[in-house]
Amino acid sequence: LKSETRLRLALEASEMATWSWHLTTDEVFWNDQHFLLFGIDPRPNPVTSADFFNHVHPDDRQPLSKLLQKA
């Protein structure tokens, strides 16, 4: 628990965005900074991958989707 607390504090201090994506459920969990970087007021999690792709440039959506599927 101490290491998790330290990591959370370091991420908050550096204003880094973090996320995790549960592929089987398509639930995506963003920290507050992730929302702010996209210009969205923080809201309850989970969000979906569609929320992420809505903020990707249209020209980049299909190539990115293919890369994510491959991964």
PDB file of N, CA and C in Angstrom:
ATOM      1  N   LEU A   1       0.806  -1.207   0.000  1.00  0.00           N
ATOM      2  CA  LEU A   1       0.000   0.000   0.000  1.00  0.00           C
ATOM      3  C   LEU A   1       0.846   1.266   0.000  1.00  0.00           C
ATOM      4  N   LYS A   2       1.981   1.217   0.668  1.00  0.00           N
ATOM      5  CA  LYS A   2       2.848   2.400   0.676  1.00  0.00           C
ATOM      6  C   LYS A   2       3.331   2.721  -0.731  1.00  0.00           C
ATOM      7  N   SER A   3       3.687   1.688  -1.495  1.00  0.00           N
ATOM      8  CA  SER A   3       4.182   1.940  -2.852  1.00  0.00           C
ATOM      9  C   SER A   3       3.070   2.488  -3.744  1.00  0.00           C
ATOM     10  N   GLU A   4       1.837   2.018  -3.556  1.00  0.00           N
ATOM     11  CA  GLU A   4       0.711   2.550  -4.332  1.00  0.00           C
ATOM     12  C   GLU A   4       0.462   4.009  -3.985  1.00  0.00           C
ATOM     13  N   THR A   5       0.560   4.339  -2.708  1.00  0.00           N
ATOM     14  CA  THR A   5       0.373   5.727  -2.276  1.00  0.00           C
ATOM     15  C   THR A   5       1.457   6.614  -2.857  1.00  0.00           C
ATOM     16  N   ARG A   6       2.703   6.138  -2.824  1.00  0.00           N
ATOM     17  CA  ARG A   6       3.807   6.918  -3.395  1.00  0.00           C
ATOM     18  C   ARG A   6       3.625   7.126  -4.897  1.00  0.00           C
ATOM     19  N   LEU A   7       3.213   6.080  -5.587  1.00  0.00           N
ATOM     20  CA  LEU A   7       2.995   6.197  -7.033  1.00  0.00           C
ATOM     21  C   LEU A   7       1.879   7.202  -7.322  1.00  0.00           C
ATOM     22  N   ARG A   8       0.772   7.106  -6.590  1.00  0.00           N
ATOM     23  CA  ARG A   8      -0.337   8.039  -6.798  1.00  0.00           C
ATOM     24  C   ARG A   8       0.112   9.476  -6.555  1.00  0.00           C
ATOM     25  N   LEU A   9       0.861   9.710  -5.481  1.00  0.00           N
ATOM     26  CA  LEU A   9       1.341  11.056  -5.175  1.00  0.00           C
ATOM     27  C   LEU A   9       2.300  11.556  -6.249  1.00  0.00           C
ATOM     28  N   ALA A  10       3.181  10.689  -6.738  1.00  0.00           N
ATOM     29  CA  ALA A  10       4.120  11.084  -7.794  1.00  0.00           C
ATOM     30  C   ALA A  10       3.373  11.432  -9.074  1.00  0.00           C
ATOM     31  N   LEU A  11       2.368  10.633  -9.433  1.00  0.00           N
ATOM     32  CA  LEU A  11       1.586  10.916 -10.636  1.00  0.00           C
ATOM     33  C   LEU A  11       0.831  12.227 -10.506  1.00  0.00           C
ATOM     34  N   GLU A  12       0.260  12.465  -9.328  1.00  0.00           N
ATOM     35  CA  GLU A  12      -0.459  13.724  -9.111  1.00  0.00           C
ATOM     36  C   GLU A  12       0.498  14.916  -9.167  1.00  0.00           C
ATOM     37  N   ALA A  13       1.663  14.795  -8.542  1.00  0.00           N
ATOM     38  CA  ALA A  13       2.628  15.896  -8.515  1.00  0.00           C
ATOM     39  C   ALA A  13       3.154  16.211  -9.914  1.00  0.00           C
ATOM     40  N   SER A  14       3.322  15.190 -10.738  1.00  0.00           N
ATOM     41  CA  SER A  14       3.850  15.407 -12.089  1.00  0.00           C
ATOM     42  C   SER A  14       2.751  15.687 -13.106  1.00  0.00           C
ATOM     43  N   GLU A  15       1.497  15.642 -12.657  1.00  0.00           N
ATOM     44  CA  GLU A  15       0.327  15.870 -13.518  1.00  0.00           C
ATOM     45  C   GLU A  15       0.312  14.921 -14.717  1.00  0.00           C
ATOM     46  N   MET A  16       0.685  13.670 -14.472  1.00  0.00           N
ATOM     47  CA  MET A  16       0.673  12.658 -15.533  1.00  0.00           C
ATOM     48  C   MET A  16      -0.689  11.978 -15.615  1.00  0.00           C
ATOM     49  N   ALA A  17      -1.084  11.689 -16.832  1.00  0.00           N
ATOM     50  CA  ALA A  17      -2.328  10.965 -17.052  1.00  0.00           C
ATOM     51  C   ALA A  17      -2.057   9.465 -17.030  1.00  0.00           C
ATOM     52  N   THR A  18      -2.955   8.725 -16.416  1.00  0.00           N
ATOM     53  CA  THR A  18      -2.857   7.269 -16.409  1.00  0.00           C
ATOM     54  C   THR A  18      -4.212   6.688 -16.790  1.00  0.00           C
ATOM     55  N   TRP A  19      -4.153   5.459 -17.276  1.00  0.00           N
ATOM     56  CA  TRP A  19      -5.382   4.776 -17.640  1.00  0.00           C
ATOM     57  C   TRP A  19      -5.137   3.276 -17.631  1.00  0.00           C
ATOM     58  N   SER A  20      -6.216   2.551 -17.479  1.00  0.00           N
ATOM     59  CA  SER A  20      -6.164   1.104 -17.665  1.00  0.00           C
ATOM     60  C   SER A  20      -7.404   0.708 -18.447  1.00  0.00           C
ATOM     61  N   TRP A  21      -7.237  -0.290 -19.291  1.00  0.00           N
ATOM     62  CA  TRP A  21      -8.309  -0.690 -20.207  1.00  0.00           C
ATOM     63  C   TRP A  21      -8.534  -2.182 -20.040  1.00  0.00           C
ATOM     64  N   HIS A  22      -9.732  -2.548 -19.617  1.00  0.00           N
ATOM     65  CA  HIS A  22     -10.114  -3.950 -19.481  1.00  0.00           C
ATOM     66  C   HIS A  22     -10.717  -4.375 -20.819  1.00  0.00           C
ATOM     67  N   LEU A  23      -9.930  -5.080 -21.598  1.00  0.00           N
ATOM     68  CA  LEU A  23     -10.315  -5.393 -22.974  1.00  0.00           C
ATOM     69  C   LEU A  23     -11.587  -6.227 -23.073  1.00  0.00           C
ATOM     70  N   THR A  24     -11.804  -7.132 -22.145  1.00  0.00           N
ATOM     71  CA  THR A  24     -12.977  -8.001 -22.248  1.00  0.00           C
ATOM     72  C   THR A  24     -14.283  -7.261 -21.973  1.00  0.00           C
ATOM     73  N   THR A  25     -14.232  -6.210 -21.155  1.00  0.00           N
ATOM     74  CA  THR A  25     -15.447  -5.458 -20.824  1.00  0.00           C
ATOM     75  C   THR A  25     -15.503  -4.093 -21.508  1.00  0.00           C
ATOM     76  N   ASP A  26     -14.398  -3.677 -22.128  1.00  0.00           N
ATOM     77  CA  ASP A  26     -14.247  -2.351 -22.739  1.00  0.00           C
ATOM     78  C   ASP A  26     -14.407  -1.234 -21.715  1.00  0.00           C
ATOM     79  N   GLU A  27     -14.104  -1.523 -20.462  1.00  0.00           N
ATOM     80  CA  GLU A  27     -14.119  -0.495 -19.429  1.00  0.00           C
ATOM     81  C   GLU A  27     -12.736   0.141 -19.363  1.00  0.00           C
ATOM     82  N   VAL A  28     -12.730   1.465 -19.422  1.00  0.00           N
ATOM     83  CA  VAL A  28     -11.485   2.215 -19.359  1.00  0.00           C
ATOM     84  C   VAL A  28     -11.549   3.105 -18.124  1.00  0.00           C
ATOM     85  N   PHE A  29     -10.476   3.071 -17.346  1.00  0.00           N
ATOM     86  CA  PHE A  29     -10.405   3.851 -16.113  1.00  0.00           C
ATOM     87  C   PHE A  29      -9.311   4.897 -16.274  1.00  0.00           C
ATOM     88  N   TRP A  30      -9.699   6.172 -16.168  1.00  0.00           N
ATOM     89  CA  TRP A  30      -8.774   7.298 -16.296  1.00  0.00           C
ATOM     90  C   TRP A  30      -8.618   7.961 -14.940  1.00  0.00           C
ATOM     91  N   ASN A  31      -7.400   8.465 -14.676  1.00  0.00           N
ATOM     92  CA  ASN A  31      -7.266   9.324 -13.506  1.00  0.00           C
ATOM     93  C   ASN A  31      -7.772  10.722 -13.895  1.00  0.00           C
ATOM     94  N   ASP A  32      -7.945  11.592 -12.904  1.00  0.00           N
ATOM     95  CA  ASP A  32      -8.504  12.925 -13.175  1.00  0.00           C
ATOM     96  C   ASP A  32      -7.680  13.695 -14.199  1.00  0.00           C
ATOM     97  N   GLN A  33      -6.362  13.562 -14.144  1.00  0.00           N
ATOM     98  CA  GLN A  33      -5.503  14.300 -15.071  1.00  0.00           C
ATOM     99  C   GLN A  33      -5.765  13.894 -16.516  1.00  0.00           C
ATOM    100  N   HIS A  34      -6.097  12.634 -16.731  1.00  0.00           N
ATOM    101  CA  HIS A  34      -6.394  12.173 -18.085  1.00  0.00           C
ATOM    102  C   HIS A  34      -7.591  12.940 -18.654  1.00  0.00           C
ATOM    103  N   PHE A  35      -8.634  13.083 -17.855  1.00  0.00           N
ATOM    104  CA  PHE A  35      -9.796  13.860 -18.289  1.00  0.00           C
ATOM    105  C   PHE A  35      -9.385  15.291 -18.607  1.00  0.00           C
ATOM    106  N   LEU A  36      -8.598  15.890 -17.718  1.00  0.00           N
ATOM    107  CA  LEU A  36      -8.211  17.291 -17.894  1.00  0.00           C
ATOM    108  C   LEU A  36      -7.376  17.490 -19.156  1.00  0.00           C
ATOM    109  N   LEU A  37      -6.498  16.542 -19.478  1.00  0.00           N
ATOM    110  CA  LEU A  37      -5.698  16.663 -20.692  1.00  0.00           C
ATOM    111  C   LEU A  37      -6.558  16.638 -21.950  1.00  0.00           C
ATOM    112  N   PHE A  38      -7.684  15.946 -21.883  1.00  0.00           N
ATOM    113  CA  PHE A  38      -8.618  15.917 -23.009  1.00  0.00           C
ATOM    114  C   PHE A  38      -9.624  17.067 -22.956  1.00  0.00           C
ATOM    115  N   GLY A  39      -9.523  17.926 -21.949  1.00  0.00           N
ATOM    116  CA  GLY A  39     -10.439  19.051 -21.838  1.00  0.00           C
ATOM    117  C   GLY A  39     -11.817  18.647 -21.355  1.00  0.00           C
ATOM    118  N   ILE A  40     -11.882  17.576 -20.576  1.00  0.00           N
ATOM    119  CA  ILE A  40     -13.154  17.053 -20.065  1.00  0.00           C
ATOM    120  C   ILE A  40     -13.144  17.187 -18.548  1.00  0.00           C
ATOM    121  N   ASP A  41     -14.260  17.629 -17.974  1.00  0.00           N
ATOM    122  CA  ASP A  41     -14.355  17.637 -16.523  1.00  0.00           C
ATOM    123  C   ASP A  41     -14.283  16.198 -16.025  1.00  0.00           C
ATOM    124  N   PRO A  42     -13.474  15.945 -14.975  1.00  0.00           N
ATOM    125  CA  PRO A  42     -13.419  14.583 -14.440  1.00  0.00           C
ATOM    126  C   PRO A  42     -14.817  14.078 -14.101  1.00  0.00           C
ATOM    127  N   ARG A  43     -15.049  12.806 -14.385  1.00  0.00           N
ATOM    128  CA  ARG A  43     -16.340  12.188 -14.111  1.00  0.00           C
ATOM    129  C   ARG A  43     -16.100  10.773 -13.628  1.00  0.00           C
ATOM    130  N   PRO A  44     -17.132  10.152 -13.107  1.00  0.00           N
ATOM    131  CA  PRO A  44     -16.942   8.786 -12.599  1.00  0.00           C
ATOM    132  C   PRO A  44     -16.479   7.835 -13.695  1.00  0.00           C
ATOM    133  N   ASN A  45     -15.653   6.906 -13.301  1.00  0.00           N
ATOM    134  CA  ASN A  45     -15.206   5.831 -14.177  1.00  0.00           C
ATOM    135  C   ASN A  45     -16.139   4.644 -14.014  1.00  0.00           C
ATOM    136  N   PRO A  46     -16.184   3.729 -14.920  1.00  0.00           N
ATOM    137  CA  PRO A  46     -15.371   3.649 -16.118  1.00  0.00           C
ATOM    138  C   PRO A  46     -15.968   4.438 -17.272  1.00  0.00           C
ATOM    139  N   VAL A  47     -15.120   4.695 -18.262  1.00  0.00           N
ATOM    140  CA  VAL A  47     -15.554   5.218 -19.552  1.00  0.00           C
ATOM    141  C   VAL A  47     -15.364   4.072 -20.544  1.00  0.00           C
ATOM    142  N   THR A  48     -15.555   4.328 -21.815  1.00  0.00           N
ATOM    143  CA  THR A  48     -15.345   3.273 -22.809  1.00  0.00           C
ATOM    144  C   THR A  48     -14.238   3.692 -23.770  1.00  0.00           C
ATOM    145  N   SER A  49     -13.804   2.757 -24.571  1.00  0.00           N
ATOM    146  CA  SER A  49     -12.778   3.089 -25.565  1.00  0.00           C
ATOM    147  C   SER A  49     -13.309   4.131 -26.545  1.00  0.00           C
ATOM    148  N   ALA A  50     -14.624   4.168 -26.768  1.00  0.00           N
ATOM    149  CA  ALA A  50     -15.210   5.174 -27.657  1.00  0.00           C
ATOM    150  C   ALA A  50     -14.950   6.581 -27.121  1.00  0.00           C
ATOM    151  N   ASP A  51     -14.968   6.753 -25.804  1.00  0.00           N
ATOM    152  CA  ASP A  51     -14.660   8.063 -25.215  1.00  0.00           C
ATOM    153  C   ASP A  51     -13.248   8.497 -25.583  1.00  0.00           C
ATOM    154  N   PHE A  52     -12.333   7.545 -25.591  1.00  0.00           N
ATOM    155  CA  PHE A  52     -10.957   7.845 -25.986  1.00  0.00           C
ATOM    156  C   PHE A  52     -10.890   8.166 -27.473  1.00  0.00           C
ATOM    157  N   PHE A  53     -11.449   7.292 -28.309  1.00  0.00           N
ATOM    158  CA  PHE A  53     -11.349   7.469 -29.760  1.00  0.00           C
ATOM    159  C   PHE A  53     -12.042   8.741 -30.236  1.00  0.00           C
ATOM    160  N   ASN A  54     -13.018   9.230 -29.499  1.00  0.00           N
ATOM    161  CA  ASN A  54     -13.664  10.497 -29.859  1.00  0.00           C
ATOM    162  C   ASN A  54     -12.694  11.665 -29.773  1.00  0.00           C
ATOM    163  N   HIS A  55     -11.567  11.481 -29.059  1.00  0.00           N
ATOM    164  CA  HIS A  55     -10.587  12.550 -28.905  1.00  0.00           C
ATOM    165  C   HIS A  55      -9.337  12.323 -29.746  1.00  0.00           C
ATOM    166  N   VAL A  56      -9.361  11.295 -30.566  1.00  0.00           N
ATOM    167  CA  VAL A  56      -8.253  11.024 -31.487  1.00  0.00           C
ATOM    168  C   VAL A  56      -8.611  11.638 -32.834  1.00  0.00           C
ATOM    169  N   HIS A  57      -7.650  12.233 -33.491  1.00  0.00           N
ATOM    170  CA  HIS A  57      -7.902  12.841 -34.802  1.00  0.00           C
ATOM    171  C   HIS A  57      -8.510  11.791 -35.733  1.00  0.00           C
ATOM    172  N   PRO A  58      -9.553  12.155 -36.489  1.00  0.00           N
ATOM    173  CA  PRO A  58     -10.228  11.184 -37.362  1.00  0.00           C
ATOM    174  C   PRO A  58      -9.287  10.410 -38.290  1.00  0.00           C
ATOM    175  N   ASP A  59      -8.243  11.058 -38.785  1.00  0.00           N
ATOM    176  CA  ASP A  59      -7.306  10.367 -39.672  1.00  0.00           C
ATOM    177  C   ASP A  59      -6.500   9.281 -38.954  1.00  0.00           C
ATOM    178  N   ASP A  60      -6.407   9.396 -37.641  1.00  0.00           N
ATOM    179  CA  ASP A  60      -5.587   8.465 -36.869  1.00  0.00           C
ATOM    180  C   ASP A  60      -6.388   7.341 -36.217  1.00  0.00           C
ATOM    181  N   ARG A  61      -7.710   7.426 -36.250  1.00  0.00           N
ATOM    182  CA  ARG A  61      -8.533   6.451 -35.530  1.00  0.00           C
ATOM    183  C   ARG A  61      -8.371   5.028 -36.047  1.00  0.00           C
ATOM    184  N   GLN A  62      -8.493   4.829 -37.362  1.00  0.00           N
ATOM    185  CA  GLN A  62      -8.412   3.481 -37.900  1.00  0.00           C
ATOM    186  C   GLN A  62      -7.015   2.868 -37.713  1.00  0.00           C
ATOM    187  N   PRO A  63      -5.938   3.592 -38.039  1.00  0.00           N
ATOM    188  CA  PRO A  63      -4.607   3.002 -37.802  1.00  0.00           C
ATOM    189  C   PRO A  63      -4.368   2.681 -36.324  1.00  0.00           C
ATOM    190  N   LEU A  64      -4.812   3.561 -35.444  1.00  0.00           N
ATOM    191  CA  LEU A  64      -4.632   3.306 -34.017  1.00  0.00           C
ATOM    192  C   LEU A  64      -5.449   2.103 -33.579  1.00  0.00           C
ATOM    193  N   SER A  65      -6.658   2.006 -34.050  1.00  0.00           N
ATOM    194  CA  SER A  65      -7.506   0.860 -33.711  1.00  0.00           C
ATOM    195  C   SER A  65      -6.861  -0.452 -34.150  1.00  0.00           C
ATOM    196  N   LYS A  66      -6.280  -0.457 -35.339  1.00  0.00           N
ATOM    197  CA  LYS A  66      -5.604  -1.669 -35.836  1.00  0.00           C
ATOM    198  C   LYS A  66      -4.410  -2.027 -34.963  1.00  0.00           C
ATOM    199  N   LEU A  67      -3.641  -1.015 -34.546  1.00  0.00           N
ATOM    200  CA  LEU A  67      -2.499  -1.272 -33.682  1.00  0.00           C
ATOM    201  C   LEU A  67      -2.936  -1.833 -32.327  1.00  0.00           C
ATOM    202  N   LEU A  68      -3.994  -1.283 -31.788  1.00  0.00           N
ATOM    203  CA  LEU A  68      -4.494  -1.772 -30.497  1.00  0.00           C
ATOM    204  C   LEU A  68      -5.021  -3.200 -30.606  1.00  0.00           C
ATOM    205  N   GLN A  69      -5.701  -3.508 -31.696  1.00  0.00           N
ATOM    206  CA  GLN A  69      -6.193  -4.872 -31.890  1.00  0.00           C
ATOM    207  C   GLN A  69      -5.033  -5.838 -32.032  1.00  0.00           C
ATOM    208  N   LYS A  70      -3.984  -5.416 -32.727  1.00  0.00           N
ATOM    209  CA  LYS A  70      -2.816  -6.269 -32.911  1.00  0.00           C
ATOM    210  C   LYS A  70      -2.129  -6.521 -31.564  1.00  0.00           C
ATOM    211  N   ALA A  71      -2.061  -5.481 -30.749  1.00  0.00           N
ATOM    212  CA  ALA A  71      -1.407  -5.613 -29.426  1.00  0.00           C
ATOM    213  C   ALA A  71      -2.201  -6.550 -28.550  1.00  0.00           C
TER     214      ALA A  71
END
